[in-house]
N, C-alpha and C. Protein backbone atom coordinates (compact mmCIF):
# COMPACT_ATOMS: atom_id res chain seq x y z
N MET A 1 114.76 183.28 -50.85
CA MET A 1 114.35 183.15 -49.32
C MET A 1 115.21 184.39 -48.56
N ASN A 2 114.29 184.83 -47.77
CA ASN A 2 114.73 185.98 -47.05
C ASN A 2 115.07 185.84 -45.56
N VAL A 3 116.39 185.50 -45.23
CA VAL A 3 116.72 185.16 -43.97
C VAL A 3 117.19 186.49 -43.21
N PRO A 4 116.69 186.75 -42.06
CA PRO A 4 117.00 187.95 -41.26
C PRO A 4 118.38 187.87 -40.87
N ARG A 5 119.08 189.14 -40.84
CA ARG A 5 120.30 189.22 -40.33
C ARG A 5 120.61 189.03 -39.11
N LEU A 6 121.74 188.34 -38.55
CA LEU A 6 121.97 188.23 -37.12
C LEU A 6 122.64 189.34 -36.49
N THR A 7 121.95 190.28 -35.77
CA THR A 7 122.56 191.25 -35.03
C THR A 7 122.99 190.75 -33.77
N THR A 8 123.61 191.64 -33.15
CA THR A 8 124.27 191.52 -31.67
C THR A 8 122.89 191.22 -31.02
N GLY A 9 121.94 192.08 -30.88
CA GLY A 9 120.72 192.01 -30.17
C GLY A 9 120.07 190.77 -30.26
N ARG A 10 119.82 190.36 -31.57
CA ARG A 10 119.29 189.05 -31.87
C ARG A 10 119.79 187.93 -31.56
N ALA A 11 121.35 187.82 -31.68
CA ALA A 11 121.98 186.85 -31.16
C ALA A 11 121.98 186.61 -29.61
N ARG A 12 121.92 187.80 -28.89
CA ARG A 12 121.84 187.67 -27.53
C ARG A 12 120.59 187.28 -27.06
N ARG A 13 119.27 187.59 -27.61
CA ARG A 13 118.05 187.04 -27.37
C ARG A 13 118.15 185.57 -27.51
N LEU A 14 118.61 185.17 -28.76
CA LEU A 14 118.68 183.65 -28.98
C LEU A 14 119.46 182.85 -27.99
N LEU A 15 120.61 183.36 -27.43
CA LEU A 15 121.34 182.74 -26.71
C LEU A 15 120.82 182.60 -25.13
N LEU A 16 120.18 183.84 -24.94
CA LEU A 16 119.46 183.69 -23.56
C LEU A 16 118.14 183.14 -23.43
N ASP A 17 117.61 182.84 -24.60
CA ASP A 17 116.27 182.20 -24.50
C ASP A 17 116.40 180.77 -24.16
N GLU A 18 115.73 180.47 -22.84
CA GLU A 18 115.64 179.06 -22.49
C GLU A 18 114.30 178.39 -22.49
N THR A 19 113.56 178.68 -23.61
CA THR A 19 112.25 178.13 -23.94
C THR A 19 112.70 176.57 -24.36
N GLY A 20 112.02 175.72 -23.72
CA GLY A 20 112.01 174.36 -23.96
C GLY A 20 113.36 173.72 -23.09
N ALA A 21 113.97 174.37 -22.30
CA ALA A 21 115.12 173.92 -21.44
C ALA A 21 114.86 172.89 -20.62
N ALA A 22 113.66 173.22 -19.83
CA ALA A 22 113.26 172.34 -18.79
C ALA A 22 112.91 170.82 -19.44
N THR A 23 112.10 170.91 -20.74
CA THR A 23 111.71 169.81 -21.32
C THR A 23 112.86 168.86 -21.77
N ALA A 24 113.87 169.73 -22.19
CA ALA A 24 115.25 168.81 -22.63
C ALA A 24 115.97 168.24 -21.53
N GLU A 25 115.95 168.88 -20.35
CA GLU A 25 116.46 168.25 -19.14
C GLU A 25 115.66 167.05 -18.76
N TYR A 26 114.34 167.12 -18.84
CA TYR A 26 113.53 165.98 -18.53
C TYR A 26 113.71 164.72 -19.36
N ALA A 27 113.97 165.10 -20.74
CA ALA A 27 114.33 164.06 -21.72
C ALA A 27 115.55 163.41 -21.39
N ILE A 28 116.56 164.11 -21.17
CA ILE A 28 117.74 163.66 -20.84
C ILE A 28 117.84 162.78 -19.43
N ALA A 29 117.15 163.16 -18.59
CA ALA A 29 117.09 162.55 -17.18
C ALA A 29 116.25 161.06 -17.46
N THR A 30 115.42 161.27 -18.24
CA THR A 30 114.43 160.03 -18.55
C THR A 30 115.20 159.03 -19.32
N MET A 31 116.03 159.43 -20.48
CA MET A 31 116.92 158.62 -20.94
C MET A 31 118.20 157.98 -20.08
N ALA A 32 118.52 158.78 -19.14
CA ALA A 32 119.39 158.07 -18.36
C ALA A 32 118.90 157.07 -17.39
N ALA A 33 117.60 157.44 -16.97
CA ALA A 33 117.01 156.30 -16.06
C ALA A 33 116.78 155.12 -16.77
N VAL A 34 116.47 155.29 -18.06
CA VAL A 34 115.91 153.98 -18.89
C VAL A 34 117.29 153.19 -19.15
N ALA A 35 118.48 153.96 -19.45
CA ALA A 35 119.65 153.11 -19.64
C ALA A 35 120.19 152.53 -18.35
N PHE A 36 120.01 153.19 -17.17
CA PHE A 36 120.13 152.57 -15.88
C PHE A 36 119.47 151.32 -15.62
N ALA A 37 118.12 151.54 -15.90
CA ALA A 37 117.28 150.31 -15.62
C ALA A 37 117.61 149.17 -16.64
N GLY A 38 118.08 149.46 -17.82
CA GLY A 38 118.48 148.47 -18.79
C GLY A 38 119.56 147.73 -18.27
N LEU A 39 120.58 148.44 -17.79
CA LEU A 39 121.85 148.00 -17.26
C LEU A 39 121.37 146.97 -15.88
N LEU A 40 120.51 147.34 -15.07
CA LEU A 40 120.06 146.65 -13.82
C LEU A 40 119.54 145.31 -14.54
N VAL A 41 118.78 145.32 -15.42
CA VAL A 41 118.00 144.14 -16.00
C VAL A 41 119.14 143.22 -16.61
N VAL A 42 119.99 143.73 -17.28
CA VAL A 42 121.33 142.77 -17.83
C VAL A 42 122.00 142.27 -16.48
N ILE A 43 122.18 142.88 -15.56
CA ILE A 43 122.90 142.41 -14.35
C ILE A 43 122.21 141.42 -13.62
N MET A 44 120.86 141.69 -13.51
CA MET A 44 120.06 140.85 -12.74
C MET A 44 119.84 139.39 -13.39
N ARG A 45 119.89 139.49 -14.65
CA ARG A 45 119.69 138.32 -15.41
C ARG A 45 120.71 137.24 -15.20
N SER A 46 121.90 137.53 -14.74
CA SER A 46 123.19 136.81 -14.93
C SER A 46 123.03 135.62 -13.74
N ASP A 47 123.30 134.37 -14.06
CA ASP A 47 123.17 133.33 -12.96
C ASP A 47 123.95 133.74 -11.59
N GLU A 48 125.03 134.46 -11.71
CA GLU A 48 125.85 134.62 -10.58
C GLU A 48 125.08 135.48 -9.69
N VAL A 49 124.56 136.52 -10.04
CA VAL A 49 123.86 137.62 -9.25
C VAL A 49 122.41 136.91 -8.79
N ARG A 50 121.80 136.04 -9.53
CA ARG A 50 120.69 135.40 -9.22
C ARG A 50 120.94 134.34 -7.98
N GLY A 51 122.14 133.67 -8.24
CA GLY A 51 122.49 132.91 -7.07
C GLY A 51 122.77 133.48 -5.73
N ILE A 52 123.46 134.76 -5.90
CA ILE A 52 123.79 135.66 -4.72
C ILE A 52 122.59 136.02 -4.03
N LEU A 53 121.62 136.42 -4.87
CA LEU A 53 120.34 136.88 -4.34
C LEU A 53 119.44 135.64 -3.65
N THR A 54 119.42 134.63 -4.32
CA THR A 54 118.66 133.59 -3.81
C THR A 54 119.36 132.97 -2.46
N ASP A 55 120.66 132.97 -2.47
CA ASP A 55 121.33 132.65 -1.06
C ASP A 55 121.05 133.75 0.05
N LEU A 56 120.89 134.95 -0.38
CA LEU A 56 120.72 135.87 0.64
C LEU A 56 119.18 135.88 1.21
N VAL A 57 118.23 135.39 0.29
CA VAL A 57 116.96 135.37 0.64
C VAL A 57 116.87 134.06 1.61
N ARG A 58 117.38 132.98 1.12
CA ARG A 58 117.41 131.78 2.08
C ARG A 58 117.89 131.89 3.45
N ARG A 59 118.97 132.63 3.41
CA ARG A 59 119.66 133.04 4.85
C ARG A 59 118.83 133.92 5.59
N ALA A 60 118.04 134.92 4.95
CA ALA A 60 117.32 135.70 5.70
C ALA A 60 116.02 135.06 6.35
N LEU A 61 115.52 134.05 5.43
CA LEU A 61 114.28 133.19 5.93
C LEU A 61 114.49 132.06 6.78
N SER A 62 115.85 131.75 6.73
CA SER A 62 116.07 130.46 7.65
C SER A 62 115.95 130.86 9.19
N VAL A 63 115.62 129.89 9.90
CA VAL A 63 115.45 130.04 11.38
C VAL A 63 116.52 129.32 11.88
N GLU A 64 117.42 129.92 12.58
CA GLU A 64 118.36 128.90 13.46
C GLU A 64 118.46 129.24 14.84
């Protein structure tokens, strides 16, 4: 197997090459959004939070 030698110029080009950087950033942001949505689903399923939200809606819709 013939592996090219890593010269200073080749290393500089490799380190400065940002090909695919935007795609990786989008992937990380998407994974963070999915994790946050999962956390919200877990929180919203709890009986305590459901009760608080139901109470809030009842108070908002009641006419006094």
